[in-house]
Amino acid sequence: MASAGADPGLSGTELSGELRRMALHLETAAVLELRAARAEPRQGAVLRRRAEQRRQEAARLRERLAACGVALPPRARRPTAPSS
């Protein structure tokens, strides 16, 4: 059963599957970033690009789930404090 306000076209099972996919994309992006840090420059650039693609896909899933009332919208980025 889907939660109140959820897209009637998605069941609870489908929603949980989408949440898992979003988490998987974010975890994969983190692993790709770690590999990129240890790789040669050319391969590192490819791995960073792939990581960014995974983060973008996770963001699209998050937006869709937020519209269904299942996930929170992304937090606004806070400006970083200047180093003294």
Protein backbone atom coordinates (compact mmCIF):
# COMPACT_ATOMS: atom_id res chain seq x y z
CA MET A 1 0.00 0.00 0.00
CA ALA A 2 1.38 3.39 -0.98
CA SER A 3 1.57 6.20 1.57
CA ALA A 4 -0.92 9.05 1.54
CA GLY A 5 -0.14 11.55 -1.20
CA ALA A 6 1.95 9.04 -3.11
CA ASP A 7 1.69 8.55 -6.85
CA PRO A 8 -1.22 6.13 -7.26
CA GLY A 9 0.68 4.44 -10.08
CA LEU A 10 3.44 3.22 -7.74
CA SER A 11 2.89 0.53 -5.12
CA GLY A 12 4.75 0.40 -1.83
CA THR A 13 7.03 -2.27 -3.25
CA GLU A 14 7.84 -0.12 -6.27
CA LEU A 15 8.51 2.89 -4.06
CA SER A 16 10.89 0.92 -1.84
CA GLY A 17 12.63 -0.36 -4.96
CA GLU A 18 13.10 3.23 -6.16
CA LEU A 19 14.55 4.19 -2.77
CA ARG A 20 17.00 1.28 -3.02
CA ARG A 21 17.99 2.36 -6.54
CA MET A 22 18.61 5.90 -5.34
CA ALA A 23 20.82 4.64 -2.49
CA LEU A 24 22.69 2.33 -4.86
CA HIS A 25 23.45 5.21 -7.25
CA LEU A 26 24.78 7.33 -4.38
CA GLU A 27 26.91 4.49 -2.99
CA THR A 28 28.28 3.71 -6.45
CA ALA A 29 29.17 7.39 -6.95
CA ALA A 30 31.11 7.38 -3.68
CA VAL A 31 33.06 4.27 -4.70
CA LEU A 32 33.81 5.73 -8.13
CA GLU A 33 35.13 8.93 -6.50
CA LEU A 34 37.46 6.89 -4.27
CA ARG A 35 38.74 4.95 -7.27
CA ALA A 36 39.21 8.20 -9.21
CA ALA A 37 41.39 9.60 -6.43
CA ARG A 38 43.79 6.64 -6.79
CA ALA A 39 43.68 6.39 -10.59
CA GLU A 40 45.84 7.93 -13.29
CA PRO A 41 44.57 11.37 -14.42
CA ARG A 42 42.77 10.18 -17.60
CA GLN A 43 41.06 7.27 -15.90
CA GLY A 44 40.28 9.47 -12.89
CA ALA A 45 38.46 11.94 -15.13
CA VAL A 46 36.34 9.13 -16.58
CA LEU A 47 35.54 7.76 -13.12
CA ARG A 48 34.59 11.21 -11.81
CA ARG A 49 32.30 11.73 -14.81
CA ARG A 50 30.62 8.37 -14.15
CA ALA A 51 30.24 9.29 -10.47
CA GLU A 52 28.55 12.54 -11.43
CA GLN A 53 26.17 10.66 -13.74
CA ARG A 54 25.21 8.38 -10.81
CA ARG A 55 24.59 11.41 -8.57
CA GLN A 56 22.42 13.03 -11.24
CA GLU A 57 20.35 9.86 -11.62
CA ALA A 58 19.96 9.66 -7.82
CA ALA A 59 18.80 13.30 -7.82
CA ARG A 60 16.19 12.54 -10.49
CA LEU A 61 14.92 9.60 -8.43
CA ARG A 62 14.85 11.75 -5.28
CA GLU A 63 12.79 14.42 -7.07
CA ARG A 64 10.32 11.81 -8.27
CA LEU A 65 10.05 10.25 -4.81
CA ALA A 66 9.73 13.68 -3.16
CA ALA A 67 6.84 14.44 -5.52
CA CYS A 68 5.22 11.22 -4.27
CA GLY A 69 5.78 12.27 -0.66
CA VAL A 70 8.25 9.45 0.01
CA ALA A 71 11.65 11.20 0.05
CA LEU A 72 12.73 14.60 1.28
CA PRO A 73 13.74 17.11 -1.36
CA PRO A 74 17.50 17.74 -1.57
CA ARG A 75 18.88 20.14 1.01
CA ALA A 76 20.04 23.52 -0.20
CA ARG A 77 23.81 23.67 -0.22
CA ARG A 78 25.17 25.78 2.59
CA PRO A 79 27.92 28.22 1.74
CA THR A 80 31.22 27.04 3.14
CA ALA A 81 32.83 29.13 5.86
CA PRO A 82 35.97 30.94 4.74
CA SER A 83 39.20 29.50 6.13
CA SER A 84 41.05 31.79 8.51
